[in-house]
Amino acid sequence: MSRLTLALDVMGGDIGPRITIPASLKALEYDPMLSLLLFGDSQQITPFLSNIPKALAERLTICHTSHQIENNQGLTYALRHSKGTSMRLAIEAVQKGMAQGCVSAGNTAALMGLSKVILQPLKGIQRPALLALLPTIEGKYSVMLDLGANIDCDAENLYQFALMGSIFAENQLNLVYPRMALLNIGEEEIKGHQAIRFAAEMLEKDTALNYVGFIEGNYLLNGKVDVIVSDGFTGNIALKTLEGAAKNVIALLKGKSRHHLLKPLLSWLMSKLFSESYQRLKSINPDQYNGASLIGLTSVVVKSHGGANEQAFSNAIKDAALQVRQQIPQKILAGLEKY
């Protein structure tokens, strides 16, 4: 395990330092070779760092910023007023070589926009994409992209997403010739809008990729394919629908119901009858696998859920560290040149 430094936008997300700072400490405890640059309001940060072990304090650096990008700010406004914000300075720290990767739970559009301008896309990539590992009911993972970075995509964009997703799956999941599919409203070749059908034609002609056709939303979690490709609009809705459904079912199994008399029965059934299934269901909870990568950039940038809890944000930090150590951007660039 090699030493590395990550830059964190600790003001991002729905709650900010109350979540991001304890999560940062968890990540440091887990990874003794990790150091963190904390970009944010020092007055809000320092109360959470009192009485921490010296070994952790030595691997933390507070970088005070008086401004932040709000989640409700539009992209144009956020970019124009980004100077001196915690998000921009965290990304610039990567550009300047002070850190090898960045993590933020802030405004997704602003994070993508600033990362594209400051860090730049990899050579040949038109649009970086938002990618995540999606847990399957078999206990494995599928790669899914785009999850919201690009609302409108043409066939070339989808083709490039497929290339990047395949390379990511090969390296992150140790797969050979990963199976790939386009998310669509049906499996028939005539289904879907023009961009999807054109992308399918491009993928079918590329023998270096293991394209298996279209996949529908009801098969996203069954491990039918290793890489799922879509535009950001469709992908974001699909992912959040899955996450929301999983959270609601988990809440039901835990007995979080207005019917108090059913709680003991539901809890007993969960522990006795549905133990294995319940553990698999929990893996779909975004708190367990939180962290989506802005793939296609020259450096690692990980976007955490805005509503992430401590464990979830800590997992996003761990994911960023793993990608840096595995040199994912460099491998994607080498893979693109090969393809």
Protein backbone atom coordinates (compact mmCIF):
# COMPACT_ATOMS: atom_id res chain seq x y z
CA MET A 1 0.00 0.00 0.00
CA SER A 2 1.54 3.29 -1.11
CA ARG A 3 1.33 6.70 0.53
CA LEU A 4 -1.08 9.16 -1.02
CA THR A 5 -2.90 12.40 -0.33
CA LEU A 6 -6.52 13.21 -1.16
CA ALA A 7 -8.17 16.62 -1.24
CA LEU A 8 -11.63 16.72 0.35
CA ASP A 9 -14.35 19.29 -0.12
CA VAL A 10 -15.66 18.93 3.43
CA MET A 11 -18.33 21.61 3.00
CA GLY A 12 -20.17 19.67 0.31
CA GLY A 13 -23.28 17.60 0.96
CA ASP A 14 -26.47 18.19 2.90
CA ILE A 15 -24.80 18.37 6.32
CA GLY A 16 -21.14 19.28 5.70
CA PRO A 17 -18.42 18.96 8.37
CA ARG A 18 -20.70 17.19 10.86
CA ILE A 19 -20.54 14.21 8.50
CA THR A 20 -17.41 14.72 6.41
CA ILE A 21 -14.94 15.26 9.27
CA PRO A 22 -15.86 12.16 11.34
CA ALA A 23 -15.91 10.23 8.05
CA SER A 24 -12.41 11.51 7.25
CA LEU A 25 -11.14 10.28 10.60
CA LYS A 26 -12.64 6.84 9.91
CA ALA A 27 -10.84 6.73 6.57
CA LEU A 28 -7.52 7.65 8.21
CA GLU A 29 -7.97 4.93 10.84
CA TYR A 30 -8.62 2.40 8.10
CA ASP A 31 -5.71 3.48 5.88
CA PRO A 32 -2.45 4.31 7.72
CA MET A 33 -0.80 5.43 4.47
CA LEU A 34 -3.44 8.06 3.70
CA SER A 35 -3.20 11.82 4.28
CA LEU A 36 -6.02 14.32 3.78
CA LEU A 37 -6.30 18.00 2.86
CA LEU A 38 -9.55 19.35 4.33
CA PHE A 39 -10.92 22.29 2.36
CA GLY A 40 -13.58 24.23 4.24
CA ASP A 41 -14.44 26.69 7.00
CA SER A 42 -11.88 26.10 9.76
CA GLN A 43 -14.31 27.35 12.43
CA GLN A 44 -16.71 24.55 11.50
CA ILE A 45 -13.97 21.95 11.07
CA THR A 46 -11.82 22.32 14.19
CA PRO A 47 -14.47 21.40 16.80
CA PHE A 48 -14.59 17.90 15.32
CA LEU A 49 -10.81 17.47 15.59
CA SER A 50 -10.36 18.08 19.30
CA ASN A 51 -8.72 15.28 21.26
CA ILE A 52 -8.02 13.11 18.22
CA PRO A 53 -4.91 10.86 18.32
CA LYS A 54 -1.67 12.53 17.29
CA ALA A 55 -1.10 9.88 14.61
CA LEU A 56 -4.29 11.00 12.87
CA ALA A 57 -3.75 14.73 13.41
CA GLU A 58 -0.36 14.51 11.68
CA ARG A 59 -2.06 13.26 8.51
CA LEU A 60 -4.65 16.03 8.40
CA THR A 61 -4.23 19.53 7.00
CA ILE A 62 -6.96 22.16 7.28
CA CYS A 63 -7.11 24.46 4.26
CA HIS A 64 -9.42 27.31 5.26
CA THR A 65 -11.97 28.57 2.75
CA SER A 66 -14.67 31.12 3.45
CA HIS A 67 -16.93 30.18 0.52
CA GLN A 68 -18.65 27.10 -0.81
CA ILE A 69 -20.79 26.10 -3.77
CA GLU A 70 -24.37 25.44 -2.70
CA ASN A 71 -26.32 22.45 -4.00
CA ASN A 72 -29.16 24.66 -5.26
CA GLN A 73 -26.95 26.89 -7.40
CA GLY A 74 -27.22 26.54 -11.17
CA LEU A 75 -24.16 25.40 -13.11
CA THR A 76 -23.40 28.74 -14.79
CA TYR A 77 -23.71 30.71 -11.55
CA ALA A 78 -21.70 28.15 -9.59
CA LEU A 79 -18.84 28.18 -12.07
CA ARG A 80 -18.71 31.97 -12.27
CA HIS A 81 -18.61 32.29 -8.49
CA SER A 82 -16.40 29.27 -7.76
CA LYS A 83 -13.19 31.19 -7.01
CA GLY A 84 -12.06 30.54 -3.44
CA THR A 85 -14.70 27.86 -2.76
CA SER A 86 -13.90 24.61 -1.00
CA MET A 87 -14.78 22.55 -4.09
CA ARG A 88 -12.65 24.53 -6.52
CA LEU A 89 -9.63 24.69 -4.22
CA ALA A 90 -9.82 20.95 -3.59
CA ILE A 91 -9.78 20.29 -7.34
CA GLU A 92 -6.95 22.80 -7.85
CA ALA A 93 -4.93 20.98 -5.19
CA VAL A 94 -5.00 17.92 -7.47
CA GLN A 95 -4.04 20.02 -10.48
CA LYS A 96 -1.07 21.46 -8.60
CA GLY A 97 0.13 18.03 -7.45
CA MET A 98 -0.64 18.66 -3.77
CA ALA A 99 -3.07 15.71 -3.85
CA GLN A 100 -3.61 12.72 -6.13
CA GLY A 101 -7.41 12.70 -6.02
CA CYS A 102 -10.47 14.65 -4.88
CA VAL A 103 -13.68 13.73 -3.04
CA SER A 104 -16.78 15.92 -2.72
CA ALA A 105 -20.45 15.47 -1.82
CA GLY A 106 -21.28 18.85 -3.31
CA ASN A 107 -23.11 20.10 -6.39
CA THR A 108 -22.69 17.36 -9.05
CA ALA A 109 -22.90 19.67 -12.07
CA ALA A 110 -20.38 22.10 -10.58
CA LEU A 111 -18.01 19.28 -9.65
CA MET A 112 -18.10 17.93 -13.18
CA GLY A 113 -17.81 21.38 -14.76
CA LEU A 114 -14.87 22.46 -12.64
CA SER A 115 -13.12 19.10 -12.99
CA LYS A 116 -13.40 19.26 -16.79
CA VAL A 117 -11.96 22.79 -16.88
CA ILE A 118 -9.24 22.39 -14.25
CA LEU A 119 -8.17 18.75 -14.60
CA GLN A 120 -9.16 18.25 -18.26
CA PRO A 121 -10.62 15.12 -19.89
CA LEU A 122 -8.31 12.35 -21.07
CA LYS A 123 -7.09 12.69 -24.65
CA GLY A 124 -9.81 11.59 -27.04
CA ILE A 125 -12.65 11.70 -24.51
CA GLN A 126 -15.44 14.12 -25.46
CA ARG A 127 -17.35 13.92 -22.18
CA PRO A 128 -16.32 12.42 -18.84
CA ALA A 129 -19.08 10.35 -17.23
CA LEU A 130 -20.33 9.56 -13.75
CA LEU A 131 -19.71 5.88 -12.96
CA ALA A 132 -20.53 3.64 -10.01
CA LEU A 133 -20.23 -0.01 -9.06
CA LEU A 134 -23.75 -1.40 -8.77
CA PRO A 135 -24.14 -4.38 -6.37
CA THR A 136 -25.95 -7.40 -7.78
CA ILE A 137 -28.17 -9.90 -5.99
CA GLU A 138 -25.41 -12.49 -6.49
CA GLY A 139 -23.04 -10.52 -4.29
CA LYS A 140 -20.94 -9.26 -7.19
CA TYR A 141 -20.83 -5.89 -8.99
CA SER A 142 -21.70 -4.35 -12.33
CA VAL A 143 -20.28 -1.08 -13.64
CA MET A 144 -22.94 1.49 -14.57
CA LEU A 145 -22.50 4.82 -16.37
CA ASP A 146 -23.48 7.61 -17.02
CA LEU A 147 -25.36 8.41 -13.82
CA GLY A 148 -26.11 12.08 -14.29
CA ALA A 149 -23.13 13.98 -15.66
CA ASN A 150 -24.45 14.13 -19.24
CA ILE A 151 -28.19 14.53 -19.76
CA ASP A 152 -28.15 14.48 -23.57
CA CYS A 153 -25.82 12.00 -25.25
CA ASP A 154 -25.23 11.07 -28.87
CA ALA A 155 -24.08 7.69 -30.16
CA GLU A 156 -20.37 8.62 -29.96
CA ASN A 157 -20.75 9.63 -26.31
CA LEU A 158 -22.40 6.31 -25.46
CA TYR A 159 -19.71 4.43 -27.37
CA GLN A 160 -16.98 6.19 -25.37
CA PHE A 161 -18.83 5.47 -22.11
CA ALA A 162 -18.83 1.81 -23.11
CA LEU A 163 -15.08 1.87 -23.76
CA MET A 164 -14.32 3.52 -20.42
CA GLY A 165 -16.73 1.26 -18.54
CA SER A 166 -15.16 -1.84 -20.04
CA ILE A 167 -11.64 -0.72 -19.14
CA PHE A 168 -12.77 0.19 -15.62
CA ALA A 169 -14.43 -3.22 -15.18
CA GLU A 170 -11.32 -5.02 -16.40
CA ASN A 171 -9.14 -3.26 -13.84
CA GLN A 172 -11.46 -2.70 -10.89
CA LEU A 173 -13.32 -6.03 -11.08
CA ASN A 174 -10.50 -8.12 -12.60
CA LEU A 175 -12.67 -9.20 -15.52
CA VAL A 176 -11.57 -10.42 -18.93
CA TYR A 177 -13.76 -9.33 -21.86
CA PRO A 178 -16.55 -7.92 -19.63
CA ARG A 179 -20.11 -8.26 -20.95
CA MET A 180 -21.63 -4.92 -21.90
CA ALA A 181 -25.17 -3.73 -22.64
CA LEU A 182 -27.04 -0.51 -23.39
CA LEU A 183 -29.91 0.35 -21.04
CA ASN A 184 -33.07 0.56 -23.14
CA ILE A 185 -36.86 0.22 -23.02
CA GLY A 186 -36.71 -3.22 -24.64
CA GLU A 187 -34.27 -5.87 -25.85
CA GLU A 188 -35.40 -5.76 -29.49
CA GLU A 189 -33.09 -4.04 -31.97
CA ILE A 190 -35.85 -1.65 -33.12
CA LYS A 191 -36.44 -0.29 -29.60
CA GLY A 192 -35.10 3.00 -28.23
CA HIS A 193 -34.23 6.38 -29.63
CA GLN A 194 -31.86 6.96 -32.50
CA ALA A 195 -28.71 7.61 -30.46
CA ILE A 196 -29.04 4.26 -28.66
CA ARG A 197 -29.62 2.34 -31.89
CA PHE A 198 -26.63 4.03 -33.57
CA ALA A 199 -24.46 3.32 -30.51
CA ALA A 200 -25.50 -0.32 -30.68
CA GLU A 201 -24.36 -0.50 -34.29
CA MET A 202 -20.97 1.00 -33.37
CA LEU A 203 -20.50 -1.43 -30.48
CA GLU A 204 -21.48 -4.45 -32.58
CA LYS A 205 -18.73 -3.59 -35.08
CA ASP A 206 -16.04 -3.31 -32.38
CA THR A 207 -14.82 -6.86 -31.79
CA ALA A 208 -12.56 -5.69 -28.96
CA LEU A 209 -15.70 -5.13 -26.86
CA ASN A 210 -18.04 -7.82 -25.62
CA TYR A 211 -21.32 -6.11 -26.50
CA VAL A 212 -24.33 -8.36 -25.78
CA GLY A 213 -27.22 -6.05 -26.73
CA PHE A 214 -29.88 -4.05 -24.88
CA ILE A 215 -30.83 -4.54 -21.24
CA GLU A 216 -34.04 -3.45 -19.52
CA GLY A 217 -34.32 -1.84 -16.10
CA ASN A 218 -35.68 -4.96 -14.42
CA TYR A 219 -32.37 -6.78 -15.02
CA LEU A 220 -29.99 -4.18 -13.58
CA LEU A 221 -29.28 -6.10 -10.37
CA ASN A 222 -29.17 -9.69 -11.59
CA GLY A 223 -25.59 -9.72 -12.88
CA LYS A 224 -26.68 -10.39 -16.46
CA VAL A 225 -23.96 -8.01 -17.70
CA ASP A 226 -20.80 -6.46 -16.27
CA VAL A 227 -21.12 -2.97 -17.79
CA ILE A 228 -24.39 -1.05 -18.18
CA VAL A 229 -24.30 2.04 -20.40
CA SER A 230 -26.89 4.83 -20.63
CA ASP A 231 -27.24 8.58 -20.93
CA GLY A 232 -27.06 10.49 -17.66
CA PHE A 233 -30.77 11.29 -17.50
CA THR A 234 -31.89 7.67 -17.73
CA GLY A 235 -29.04 6.33 -15.62
CA ASN A 236 -29.63 8.74 -12.76
CA ILE A 237 -33.34 7.93 -12.57
CA ALA A 238 -32.68 4.18 -12.74
CA LEU A 239 -30.05 4.27 -10.00
CA LYS A 240 -32.06 6.40 -7.59
CA THR A 241 -35.13 4.26 -8.15
CA LEU A 242 -33.15 1.16 -7.18
CA GLU A 243 -31.64 2.85 -4.15
CA GLY A 244 -34.96 4.20 -2.95
CA ALA A 245 -36.68 0.83 -3.35
CA ALA A 246 -33.89 -0.89 -1.42
CA LYS A 247 -34.06 1.61 1.44
CA ASN A 248 -37.82 1.27 1.71
CA VAL A 249 -37.70 -2.53 1.81
CA ILE A 250 -34.92 -2.45 4.41
CA ALA A 251 -37.00 -0.07 6.53
CA LEU A 252 -39.95 -2.43 6.24
CA LEU A 253 -37.88 -5.46 7.25
CA LYS A 254 -36.51 -3.54 10.23
CA GLY A 255 -40.05 -2.95 11.39
CA LYS A 256 -40.16 0.78 10.70
CA SER A 257 -43.88 0.73 10.29
CA ARG A 258 -46.87 2.48 11.84
CA HIS A 259 -48.19 -0.98 12.71
CA HIS A 260 -46.30 -1.40 15.97
CA LEU A 261 -47.70 -4.87 16.59
CA LEU A 262 -45.99 -6.12 13.42
CA LYS A 263 -42.49 -4.94 14.37
CA PRO A 264 -41.49 -7.95 16.52
CA LEU A 265 -42.83 -10.35 13.90
CA LEU A 266 -41.03 -8.61 11.03
CA SER A 267 -37.77 -8.50 12.95
CA TRP A 268 -38.02 -12.19 13.80
CA LEU A 269 -38.81 -13.13 10.19
CA MET A 270 -35.88 -11.08 8.96
CA SER A 271 -33.41 -12.74 11.33
CA LYS A 272 -34.71 -16.29 10.91
CA LEU A 273 -35.91 -16.52 7.33
CA PHE A 274 -34.38 -13.70 5.31
CA SER A 275 -30.91 -13.28 6.80
CA GLU A 276 -28.93 -13.95 3.60
CA SER A 277 -31.37 -12.04 1.38
CA TYR A 278 -31.40 -9.13 3.82
CA GLN A 279 -27.61 -8.85 3.73
CA ARG A 280 -27.70 -8.79 -0.08
CA LEU A 281 -30.42 -6.17 -0.02
CA LYS A 282 -28.33 -3.97 2.28
CA SER A 283 -25.55 -3.98 -0.30
CA ILE A 284 -27.84 -2.03 -2.64
CA ASN A 285 -28.22 0.67 0.01
CA PRO A 286 -26.11 3.65 -1.21
CA ASP A 287 -24.62 3.97 2.28
CA GLN A 288 -22.76 0.71 1.64
CA TYR A 289 -21.26 1.43 -1.78
CA ASN A 290 -21.43 5.25 -1.81
CA GLY A 291 -19.14 6.99 -4.25
CA ALA A 292 -19.41 7.58 -7.99
CA SER A 293 -16.36 8.34 -10.11
CA LEU A 294 -16.06 11.13 -12.66
CA ILE A 295 -14.40 8.84 -15.15
CA GLY A 296 -12.57 10.10 -18.22
CA LEU A 297 -10.57 12.79 -16.39
CA THR A 298 -6.79 12.96 -16.04
CA SER A 299 -7.09 12.47 -12.26
CA VAL A 300 -9.37 10.66 -9.82
CA VAL A 301 -12.47 12.59 -8.71
CA VAL A 302 -15.14 10.85 -6.61
CA LYS A 303 -18.63 12.24 -6.03
CA SER A 304 -20.33 11.18 -2.80
CA HIS A 305 -24.09 11.28 -2.25
CA GLY A 306 -25.19 14.63 -0.86
CA GLY A 307 -27.10 12.88 1.91
CA ALA A 308 -24.32 10.41 2.73
CA ASN A 309 -23.77 9.41 6.36
CA GLU A 310 -20.35 8.98 8.01
CA GLN A 311 -19.81 5.44 6.78
CA ALA A 312 -20.91 6.32 3.27
CA PHE A 313 -18.59 9.32 2.92
CA SER A 314 -15.76 7.29 4.42
CA ASN A 315 -16.39 4.62 1.78
CA ALA A 316 -16.15 7.29 -0.93
CA ILE A 317 -12.73 8.30 0.40
CA LYS A 318 -11.59 4.67 0.42
CA ASP A 319 -12.81 4.26 -3.16
CA ALA A 320 -10.85 7.32 -4.31
CA ALA A 321 -7.69 6.02 -2.62
CA LEU A 322 -8.10 2.63 -4.30
CA GLN A 323 -8.51 4.20 -7.74
CA VAL A 324 -5.40 6.32 -7.27
CA ARG A 325 -3.36 3.31 -6.21
CA GLN A 326 -4.68 1.27 -9.14
CA GLN A 327 -3.88 4.16 -11.52
CA ILE A 328 -7.32 3.99 -13.10
CA PRO A 329 -7.02 7.19 -15.23
CA GLN A 330 -3.70 6.03 -16.66
CA LYS A 331 -5.08 2.57 -17.42
CA ILE A 332 -8.14 4.05 -19.14
CA LEU A 333 -5.88 6.23 -21.30
CA ALA A 334 -3.72 3.24 -22.20
CA GLY A 335 -6.81 1.19 -22.91
CA LEU A 336 -8.30 3.86 -25.16
CA GLU A 337 -5.10 3.94 -27.18
CA LYS A 338 -5.25 0.14 -27.47
CA TYR A 339 -8.84 0.14 -28.64
